Amino acid sequence: MEARNARKVRKGVVVSDKMDKTVVVKVQSLKLHPRYQKFIKSTKSFKAHDENNECKVGDTVEIVETRPLSKDKRWRVAKILQRSIEAASQE
């Protein structure tokens, strides 16, 4: 029962907020190379649903996996962890 509700959670930075109710979040992860035992940074972009258009470029957000909302959107913004400096100064 618990495994069914276990949703993937990622932390990343908003790189685009030009779409309505959608933000593009860049998530960075470290992967260990099997032979050389060196950590390699890899980044991936996720389109996430932002219901109230609260996120701005540069914000650090937490996204959670959800049901498919469109062709590319399978994530939604759970919470804004840290506002960007530019967005905070405008408010």
PDB file of N, CA and C in Angstrom:
ATOM      1  N   MET A   1       0.823  -1.191   0.000  1.00  0.00           N
ATOM      2  CA  MET A   1       0.000   0.000   0.000  1.00  0.00           C
ATOM      3  C   MET A   1       0.867   1.254   0.000  1.00  0.00           C
ATOM      4  N   GLU A   2       1.950   1.245   0.750  1.00  0.00           N
ATOM      5  CA  GLU A   2       2.819   2.414   0.819  1.00  0.00           C
ATOM      6  C   GLU A   2       3.552   2.655  -0.496  1.00  0.00           C
ATOM      7  N   ALA A   3       3.925   1.584  -1.191  1.00  0.00           N
ATOM      8  CA  ALA A   3       4.687   1.731  -2.430  1.00  0.00           C
ATOM      9  C   ALA A   3       3.858   2.415  -3.516  1.00  0.00           C
ATOM     10  N   ARG A   4       2.557   2.248  -3.465  1.00  0.00           N
ATOM     11  CA  ARG A   4       1.709   2.852  -4.486  1.00  0.00           C
ATOM     12  C   ARG A   4       1.711   4.376  -4.382  1.00  0.00           C
ATOM     13  N   ASN A   5       1.764   4.908  -3.176  1.00  0.00           N
ATOM     14  CA  ASN A   5       1.710   6.344  -2.977  1.00  0.00           C
ATOM     15  C   ASN A   5       3.081   6.997  -2.963  1.00  0.00           C
ATOM     16  N   ALA A   6       4.129   6.222  -3.106  1.00  0.00           N
ATOM     17  CA  ALA A   6       5.478   6.789  -3.103  1.00  0.00           C
ATOM     18  C   ALA A   6       5.724   7.481  -4.437  1.00  0.00           C
ATOM     19  N   ARG A   7       5.720   8.809  -4.414  1.00  0.00           N
ATOM     20  CA  ARG A   7       5.936   9.577  -5.634  1.00  0.00           C
ATOM     21  C   ARG A   7       7.362  10.097  -5.658  1.00  0.00           C
ATOM     22  N   LYS A   8       7.912  10.191  -6.853  1.00  0.00           N
ATOM     23  CA  LYS A   8       9.267  10.702  -6.997  1.00  0.00           C
ATOM     24  C   LYS A   8       9.281  12.198  -6.714  1.00  0.00           C
ATOM     25  N   VAL A   9      10.308  12.641  -6.012  1.00  0.00           N
ATOM     26  CA  VAL A   9      10.464  14.054  -5.667  1.00  0.00           C
ATOM     27  C   VAL A   9      11.820  14.502  -6.181  1.00  0.00           C
ATOM     28  N   ARG A  10      11.862  15.652  -6.843  1.00  0.00           N
ATOM     29  CA  ARG A  10      13.114  16.210  -7.359  1.00  0.00           C
ATOM     30  C   ARG A  10      13.228  17.666  -6.921  1.00  0.00           C
ATOM     31  N   LYS A  11      14.460  18.135  -6.822  1.00  0.00           N
ATOM     32  CA  LYS A  11      14.722  19.528  -6.479  1.00  0.00           C
ATOM     33  C   LYS A  11      15.507  20.148  -7.621  1.00  0.00           C
ATOM     34  N   GLY A  12      15.078  21.327  -8.088  1.00  0.00           N
ATOM     35  CA  GLY A  12      15.755  21.945  -9.217  1.00  0.00           C
ATOM     36  C   GLY A  12      15.516  23.437  -9.285  1.00  0.00           C
ATOM     37  N   VAL A  13      16.016  24.039 -10.364  1.00  0.00           N
ATOM     38  CA  VAL A  13      15.943  25.482 -10.568  1.00  0.00           C
ATOM     39  C   VAL A  13      15.070  25.768 -11.785  1.00  0.00           C
ATOM     40  N   VAL A  14      14.191  26.751 -11.656  1.00  0.00           N
ATOM     41  CA  VAL A  14      13.314  27.146 -12.757  1.00  0.00           C
ATOM     42  C   VAL A  14      14.141  27.892 -13.798  1.00  0.00           C
ATOM     43  N   VAL A  15      14.105  27.423 -15.050  1.00  0.00           N
ATOM     44  CA  VAL A  15      14.856  28.073 -16.126  1.00  0.00           C
ATOM     45  C   VAL A  15      13.943  28.798 -17.107  1.00  0.00           C
ATOM     46  N   SER A  16      12.637  28.500 -17.076  1.00  0.00           N
ATOM     47  CA  SER A  16      11.701  29.189 -17.961  1.00  0.00           C
ATOM     48  C   SER A  16      10.322  29.215 -17.318  1.00  0.00           C
ATOM     49  N   ASP A  17       9.660  30.385 -17.432  1.00  0.00           N
ATOM     50  CA  ASP A  17       8.289  30.506 -16.928  1.00  0.00           C
ATOM     51  C   ASP A  17       7.390  31.187 -17.960  1.00  0.00           C
ATOM     52  N   LYS A  18       7.717  31.035 -19.230  1.00  0.00           N
ATOM     53  CA  LYS A  18       7.009  31.751 -20.290  1.00  0.00           C
ATOM     54  C   LYS A  18       5.665  31.126 -20.648  1.00  0.00           C
ATOM     55  N   MET A  19       5.451  29.866 -20.302  1.00  0.00           N
ATOM     56  CA  MET A  19       4.181  29.212 -20.608  1.00  0.00           C
ATOM     57  C   MET A  19       3.174  29.470 -19.493  1.00  0.00           C
ATOM     58  N   ASP A  20       1.904  29.390 -19.830  1.00  0.00           N
ATOM     59  CA  ASP A  20       0.863  29.601 -18.834  1.00  0.00           C
ATOM     60  C   ASP A  20       0.721  28.359 -17.961  1.00  0.00           C
ATOM     61  N   LYS A  21       0.843  28.537 -16.658  1.00  0.00           N
ATOM     62  CA  LYS A  21       0.710  27.475 -15.655  1.00  0.00           C
ATOM     63  C   LYS A  21       1.726  26.354 -15.835  1.00  0.00           C
ATOM     64  N   THR A  22       2.839  26.630 -16.486  1.00  0.00           N
ATOM     65  CA  THR A  22       3.888  25.634 -16.697  1.00  0.00           C
ATOM     66  C   THR A  22       5.247  26.281 -16.513  1.00  0.00           C
ATOM     67  N   VAL A  23       6.157  25.581 -15.839  1.00  0.00           N
ATOM     68  CA  VAL A  23       7.540  26.036 -15.715  1.00  0.00           C
ATOM     69  C   VAL A  23       8.455  24.903 -16.149  1.00  0.00           C
ATOM     70  N   VAL A  24       9.636  25.265 -16.632  1.00  0.00           N
ATOM     71  CA  VAL A  24      10.650  24.276 -16.980  1.00  0.00           C
ATOM     72  C   VAL A  24      11.670  24.278 -15.856  1.00  0.00           C
ATOM     73  N   VAL A  25      11.882  23.112 -15.251  1.00  0.00           N
ATOM     74  CA  VAL A  25      12.773  22.975 -14.106  1.00  0.00           C
ATOM     75  C   VAL A  25      13.975  22.146 -14.516  1.00  0.00           C
ATOM     76  N   LYS A  26      15.172  22.675 -14.272  1.00  0.00           N
ATOM     77  CA  LYS A  26      16.416  21.970 -14.568  1.00  0.00           C
ATOM     78  C   LYS A  26      16.866  21.265 -13.287  1.00  0.00           C
ATOM     79  N   VAL A  27      16.966  19.930 -13.342  1.00  0.00           N
ATOM     80  CA  VAL A  27      17.349  19.118 -12.189  1.00  0.00           C
ATOM     81  C   VAL A  27      18.732  18.543 -12.444  1.00  0.00           C
ATOM     82  N   GLN A  28      19.617  18.707 -11.470  1.00  0.00           N
ATOM     83  CA  GLN A  28      20.989  18.216 -11.601  1.00  0.00           C
ATOM     84  C   GLN A  28      21.170  16.993 -10.708  1.00  0.00           C
ATOM     85  N   SER A  29      21.847  15.972 -11.237  1.00  0.00           N
ATOM     86  CA  SER A  29      22.108  14.775 -10.444  1.00  0.00           C
ATOM     87  C   SER A  29      23.550  14.335 -10.644  1.00  0.00           C
ATOM     88  N   LEU A  30      24.062  13.610  -9.664  1.00  0.00           N
ATOM     89  CA  LEU A  30      25.416  13.070  -9.732  1.00  0.00           C
ATOM     90  C   LEU A  30      25.322  11.568  -9.958  1.00  0.00           C
ATOM     91  N   LYS A  31      26.050  11.088 -10.957  1.00  0.00           N
ATOM     92  CA  LYS A  31      26.076   9.661 -11.246  1.00  0.00           C
ATOM     93  C   LYS A  31      27.514   9.178 -11.184  1.00  0.00           C
ATOM     94  N   LEU A  32      27.714   8.024 -10.592  1.00  0.00           N
ATOM     95  CA  LEU A  32      29.048   7.447 -10.456  1.00  0.00           C
ATOM     96  C   LEU A  32      29.386   6.645 -11.707  1.00  0.00           C
ATOM     97  N   HIS A  33      30.522   6.960 -12.320  1.00  0.00           N
ATOM     98  CA  HIS A  33      30.965   6.217 -13.495  1.00  0.00           C
ATOM     99  C   HIS A  33      31.396   4.821 -13.049  1.00  0.00           C
ATOM    100  N   PRO A  34      30.915   3.769 -13.717  1.00  0.00           N
ATOM    101  CA  PRO A  34      31.190   2.412 -13.240  1.00  0.00           C
ATOM    102  C   PRO A  34      32.664   2.014 -13.276  1.00  0.00           C
ATOM    103  N   ARG A  35      33.396   2.474 -14.254  1.00  0.00           N
ATOM    104  CA  ARG A  35      34.794   2.074 -14.353  1.00  0.00           C
ATOM    105  C   ARG A  35      35.726   3.026 -13.618  1.00  0.00           C
ATOM    106  N   TYR A  36      35.550   4.317 -13.804  1.00  0.00           N
ATOM    107  CA  TYR A  36      36.508   5.292 -13.287  1.00  0.00           C
ATOM    108  C   TYR A  36      36.166   5.815 -11.900  1.00  0.00           C
ATOM    109  N   GLN A  37      35.028   5.410 -11.359  1.00  0.00           N
ATOM    110  CA  GLN A  37      34.619   5.796 -10.007  1.00  0.00           C
ATOM    111  C   GLN A  37      34.652   7.308  -9.796  1.00  0.00           C
ATOM    112  N   LYS A  38      34.288   8.041 -10.826  1.00  0.00           N
ATOM    113  CA  LYS A  38      34.247   9.495 -10.754  1.00  0.00           C
ATOM    114  C   LYS A  38      32.790   9.932 -10.886  1.00  0.00           C
ATOM    115  N   PHE A  39      32.406  10.927 -10.087  1.00  0.00           N
ATOM    116  CA  PHE A  39      31.048  11.436 -10.165  1.00  0.00           C
ATOM    117  C   PHE A  39      30.909  12.369 -11.360  1.00  0.00           C
ATOM    118  N   ILE A  40      29.858  12.152 -12.134  1.00  0.00           N
ATOM    119  CA  ILE A  40      29.597  12.952 -13.324  1.00  0.00           C
ATOM    120  C   ILE A  40      28.277  13.685 -13.113  1.00  0.00           C
ATOM    121  N   LYS A  41      28.289  15.005 -13.359  1.00  0.00           N
ATOM    122  CA  LYS A  41      27.068  15.792 -13.245  1.00  0.00           C
ATOM    123  C   LYS A  41      26.241  15.612 -14.508  1.00  0.00           C
ATOM    124  N   SER A  42      24.971  15.364 -14.324  1.00  0.00           N
ATOM    125  CA  SER A  42      24.068  15.306 -15.465  1.00  0.00           C
ATOM    126  C   SER A  42      22.834  16.131 -15.128  1.00  0.00           C
ATOM    127  N   THR A  43      22.314  16.836 -16.120  1.00  0.00           N
ATOM    128  CA  THR A  43      21.134  17.664 -15.908  1.00  0.00           C
ATOM    129  C   THR A  43      20.013  17.203 -16.823  1.00  0.00           C
ATOM    130  N   LYS A  44      18.803  17.393 -16.343  1.00  0.00           N
ATOM    131  CA  LYS A  44      17.630  17.030 -17.126  1.00  0.00           C
ATOM    132  C   LYS A  44      16.550  18.072 -16.880  1.00  0.00           C
ATOM    133  N   SER A  45      15.799  18.390 -17.926  1.00  0.00           N
ATOM    134  CA  SER A  45      14.729  19.375 -17.817  1.00  0.00           C
ATOM    135  C   SER A  45      13.385  18.669 -17.678  1.00  0.00           C
ATOM    136  N   PHE A  46      12.573  19.182 -16.779  1.00  0.00           N
ATOM    137  CA  PHE A  46      11.225  18.674 -16.587  1.00  0.00           C
ATOM    138  C   PHE A  46      10.245  19.830 -16.725  1.00  0.00           C
ATOM    139  N   LYS A  47       9.130  19.593 -17.417  1.00  0.00           N
ATOM    140  CA  LYS A  47       8.049  20.575 -17.436  1.00  0.00           C
ATOM    141  C   LYS A  47       7.135  20.254 -16.263  1.00  0.00           C
ATOM    142  N   ALA A  48       6.883  21.270 -15.438  1.00  0.00           N
ATOM    143  CA  ALA A  48       6.091  21.069 -14.230  1.00  0.00           C
ATOM    144  C   ALA A  48       4.905  22.019 -14.214  1.00  0.00           C
ATOM    145  N   HIS A  49       3.814  21.560 -13.623  1.00  0.00           N
ATOM    146  CA  HIS A  49       2.588  22.350 -13.540  1.00  0.00           C
ATOM    147  C   HIS A  49       2.686  23.326 -12.372  1.00  0.00           C
ATOM    148  N   ASP A  50       2.437  24.599 -12.653  1.00  0.00           N
ATOM    149  CA  ASP A  50       2.451  25.664 -11.647  1.00  0.00           C
ATOM    150  C   ASP A  50       1.079  26.330 -11.687  1.00  0.00           C
ATOM    151  N   GLU A  51       0.172  25.870 -10.848  1.00  0.00           N
ATOM    152  CA  GLU A  51      -1.237  26.264 -10.925  1.00  0.00           C
ATOM    153  C   GLU A  51      -1.454  27.766 -10.840  1.00  0.00           C
ATOM    154  N   ASN A  52      -0.752  28.456  -9.945  1.00  0.00           N
ATOM    155  CA  ASN A  52      -1.000  29.882  -9.717  1.00  0.00           C
ATOM    156  C   ASN A  52       0.028  30.792 -10.375  1.00  0.00           C
ATOM    157  N   ASN A  53       0.875  30.265 -11.234  1.00  0.00           N
ATOM    158  CA  ASN A  53       1.941  31.043 -11.885  1.00  0.00           C
ATOM    159  C   ASN A  53       2.795  31.797 -10.867  1.00  0.00           C
ATOM    160  N   GLU A  54       3.169  31.132  -9.771  1.00  0.00           N
ATOM    161  CA  GLU A  54       3.944  31.759  -8.699  1.00  0.00           C
ATOM    162  C   GLU A  54       5.443  31.727  -8.958  1.00  0.00           C
ATOM    163  N   CYS A  55       5.920  30.725  -9.667  1.00  0.00           N
ATOM    164  CA  CYS A  55       7.362  30.538  -9.851  1.00  0.00           C
ATOM    165  C   CYS A  55       7.924  31.526 -10.861  1.00  0.00           C
ATOM    166  N   LYS A  56       9.127  31.993 -10.593  1.00  0.00           N
ATOM    167  CA  LYS A  56       9.856  32.882 -11.495  1.00  0.00           C
ATOM    168  C   LYS A  56      11.189  32.224 -11.840  1.00  0.00           C
ATOM    169  N   VAL A  57      11.836  32.726 -12.881  1.00  0.00           N
ATOM    170  CA  VAL A  57      13.127  32.181 -13.310  1.00  0.00           C
ATOM    171  C   VAL A  57      14.139  32.360 -12.185  1.00  0.00           C
ATOM    172  N   GLY A  58      14.863  31.299 -11.868  1.00  0.00           N
ATOM    173  CA  GLY A  58      15.880  31.348 -10.824  1.00  0.00           C
ATOM    174  C   GLY A  58      15.421  30.785  -9.495  1.00  0.00           C
ATOM    175  N   ASP A  59      14.121  30.563  -9.323  1.00  0.00           N
ATOM    176  CA  ASP A  59      13.612  29.999  -8.073  1.00  0.00           C
ATOM    177  C   ASP A  59      14.049  28.548  -7.939  1.00  0.00           C
ATOM    178  N   THR A  60      14.364  28.145  -6.711  1.00  0.00           N
ATOM    179  CA  THR A  60      14.640  26.749  -6.415  1.00  0.00           C
ATOM    180  C   THR A  60      13.333  26.125  -5.940  1.00  0.00           C
ATOM    181  N   VAL A  61      12.904  25.055  -6.617  1.00  0.00           N
ATOM    182  CA  VAL A  61      11.602  24.460  -6.329  1.00  0.00           C
ATOM    183  C   VAL A  61      11.727  22.956  -6.112  1.00  0.00           C
ATOM    184  N   GLU A  62      10.692  22.406  -5.493  1.00  0.00           N
ATOM    185  CA  GLU A  62      10.584  20.967  -5.326  1.00  0.00           C
ATOM    186  C   GLU A  62       9.422  20.509  -6.195  1.00  0.00           C
ATOM    187  N   ILE A  63       9.674  19.534  -7.071  1.00  0.00           N
ATOM    188  CA  ILE A  63       8.623  19.029  -7.952  1.00  0.00           C
ATOM    189  C   ILE A  63       8.312  17.581  -7.588  1.00  0.00           C
ATOM    190  N   VAL A  64       7.050  17.207  -7.789  1.00  0.00           N
ATOM    191  CA  VAL A  64       6.569  15.878  -7.431  1.00  0.00           C
ATOM    192  C   VAL A  64       5.935  15.244  -8.659  1.00  0.00           C
ATOM    193  N   GLU A  65       6.173  13.961  -8.839  1.00  0.00           N
ATOM    194  CA  GLU A  65       5.589  13.240  -9.967  1.00  0.00           C
ATOM    195  C   GLU A  65       4.076  13.142  -9.793  1.00  0.00           C
ATOM    196  N   THR A  66       3.348  13.275 -10.890  1.00  0.00           N
ATOM    197  CA  THR A  66       1.888  13.223 -10.848  1.00  0.00           C
ATOM    198  C   THR A  66       1.370  12.547 -12.119  1.00  0.00           C
ATOM    199  N   ARG A  67       0.069  12.488 -12.249  1.00  0.00           N
ATOM    200  CA  ARG A  67      -0.512  11.880 -13.449  1.00  0.00           C
ATOM    201  C   ARG A  67      -0.198  12.750 -14.666  1.00  0.00           C
ATOM    202  N   PRO A  68      -0.241  12.197 -15.869  1.00  0.00           N
ATOM    203  CA  PRO A  68       0.039  13.009 -17.054  1.00  0.00           C
ATOM    204  C   PRO A  68      -0.969  14.146 -17.198  1.00  0.00           C
ATOM    205  N   LEU A  69      -0.447  15.371 -17.289  1.00  0.00           N
ATOM    206  CA  LEU A  69      -1.295  16.549 -17.435  1.00  0.00           C
ATOM    207  C   LEU A  69      -1.346  17.023 -18.882  1.00  0.00           C
ATOM    208  N   SER A  70      -0.339  16.685 -19.668  1.00  0.00           N
ATOM    209  CA  SER A  70      -0.304  17.002 -21.096  1.00  0.00           C
ATOM    210  C   SER A  70       0.697  16.054 -21.747  1.00  0.00           C
ATOM    211  N   LYS A  71       1.071  16.350 -22.972  1.00  0.00           N
ATOM    212  CA  LYS A  71       2.017  15.494 -23.688  1.00  0.00           C
ATOM    213  C   LYS A  71       3.357  15.395 -22.964  1.00  0.00           C
ATOM    214  N   ASP A  72       3.841  16.503 -22.414  1.00  0.00           N
ATOM    215  CA  ASP A  72       5.161  16.536 -21.784  1.00  0.00           C
ATOM    216  C   ASP A  72       5.128  16.696 -20.266  1.00  0.00           C
ATOM    217  N   LYS A  73       4.009  17.116 -19.694  1.00  0.00           N
ATOM    218  CA  LYS A  73       3.952  17.421 -18.261  1.00  0.00           C
ATOM    219  C   LYS A  73       3.530  16.211 -17.446  1.00  0.00           C
ATOM    220  N   ARG A  74       4.441  15.760 -16.565  1.00  0.00           N
ATOM    221  CA  ARG A  74       4.134  14.689 -15.628  1.00  0.00           C
ATOM    222  C   ARG A  74       4.567  15.064 -14.218  1.00  0.00           C
ATOM    223  N   TRP A  75       4.878  16.319 -13.983  1.00  0.00           N
ATOM    224  CA  TRP A  75       5.353  16.799 -12.687  1.00  0.00           C
ATOM    225  C   TRP A  75       4.562  18.040 -12.300  1.00  0.00           C
ATOM    226  N   ARG A  76       4.497  18.312 -11.001  1.00  0.00           N
ATOM    227  CA  ARG A  76       3.884  19.554 -10.531  1.00  0.00           C
ATOM    228  C   ARG A  76       4.761  20.154  -9.439  1.00  0.00           C
ATOM    229  N   VAL A  77       4.692  21.461  -9.308  1.00  0.00           N
ATOM    230  CA  VAL A  77       5.490  22.161  -8.304  1.00  0.00           C
ATOM    231  C   VAL A  77       4.838  21.937  -6.950  1.00  0.00           C
ATOM    232  N   ALA A  78       5.594  21.326  -6.022  1.00  0.00           N
ATOM    233  CA  ALA A  78       5.072  21.075  -4.681  1.00  0.00           C
ATOM    234  C   ALA A  78       5.238  22.313  -3.810  1.00  0.00           C
ATOM    235  N   LYS A  79       6.459  22.886  -3.824  1.00  0.00           N
ATOM    236  CA  LYS A  79       6.695  24.104  -3.048  1.00  0.00           C
ATOM    237  C   LYS A  79       7.915  24.831  -3.581  1.00  0.00           C
ATOM    238  N   ILE A  80       7.950  26.122  -3.292  1.00  0.00           N
ATOM    239  CA  ILE A  80       9.096  26.952  -3.661  1.00  0.00           C
ATOM    240  C   ILE A  80      10.028  26.973  -2.463  1.00  0.00           C
ATOM    241  N   LEU A  81      11.230  26.433  -2.633  1.00  0.00           N
ATOM    242  CA  LEU A  81      12.179  26.353  -1.527  1.00  0.00           C
ATOM    243  C   LEU A  81      12.906  27.668  -1.303  1.00  0.00           C
ATOM    244  N   GLN A  82      13.281  28.334  -2.401  1.00  0.00           N
ATOM    245  CA  GLN A  82      14.021  29.590  -2.288  1.00  0.00           C
ATOM    246  C   GLN A  82      13.703  30.464  -3.492  1.00  0.00           C
ATOM    247  N   ARG A  83      13.381  31.709  -3.214  1.00  0.00           N
ATOM    248  CA  ARG A  83      13.109  32.662  -4.288  1.00  0.00           C
ATOM    249  C   ARG A  83      14.416  33.152  -4.889  1.00  0.00           C
ATOM    250  N   SER A  84      14.378  33.499  -6.177  1.00  0.00           N
ATOM    251  CA  SER A  84      15.567  34.070  -6.802  1.00  0.00           C
ATOM    252  C   SER A  84      15.751  35.491  -6.290  1.00  0.00           C
ATOM    253  N   ILE A  85      16.962  36.002  -6.379  1.00  0.00           N
ATOM    254  CA  ILE A  85      17.277  37.341  -5.887  1.00  0.00           C
ATOM    255  C   ILE A  85      16.515  38.390  -6.685  1.00  0.00           C
ATOM    256  N   GLU A  86      16.414  38.213  -7.997  1.00  0.00           N
ATOM    257  CA  GLU A  86      15.707  39.170  -8.851  1.00  0.00           C
ATOM    258  C   GLU A  86      14.212  39.206  -8.536  1.00  0.00           C
ATOM    259  N   ALA A  87      13.608  38.041  -8.329  1.00  0.00           N
ATOM    260  CA  ALA A  87      12.172  37.988  -8.041  1.00  0.00           C
ATOM    261  C   ALA A  87      11.871  38.581  -6.667  1.00  0.00           C
ATOM    262  N   ALA A  88      12.762  38.368  -5.712  1.00  0.00           N
ATOM    263  CA  ALA A  88      12.549  38.899  -4.367  1.00  0.00           C
ATOM    264  C   ALA A  88      12.671  40.417  -4.343  1.00  0.00           C
ATOM    265  N   SER A  89      13.558  40.976  -5.163  1.00  0.00           N
ATOM    266  CA  SER A  89      13.748  42.426  -5.174  1.00  0.00           C
ATOM    267  C   SER A  89      12.587  43.146  -5.866  1.00  0.00           C
ATOM    268  N   GLN A  90      11.887  42.479  -6.791  1.00  0.00           N
ATOM    269  CA  GLN A  90      10.765  43.096  -7.495  1.00  0.00           C
ATOM    270  C   GLN A  90       9.519  43.178  -6.621  1.00  0.00           C
ATOM    271  N   GLU A  91       9.387  42.278  -5.648  1.00  0.00           N
ATOM    272  CA  GLU A  91       8.185  42.256  -4.793  1.00  0.00           C
ATOM    273  C   GLU A  91       8.205  43.283  -3.727  1.00  0.00           C
TER     274      GLU A  91
END
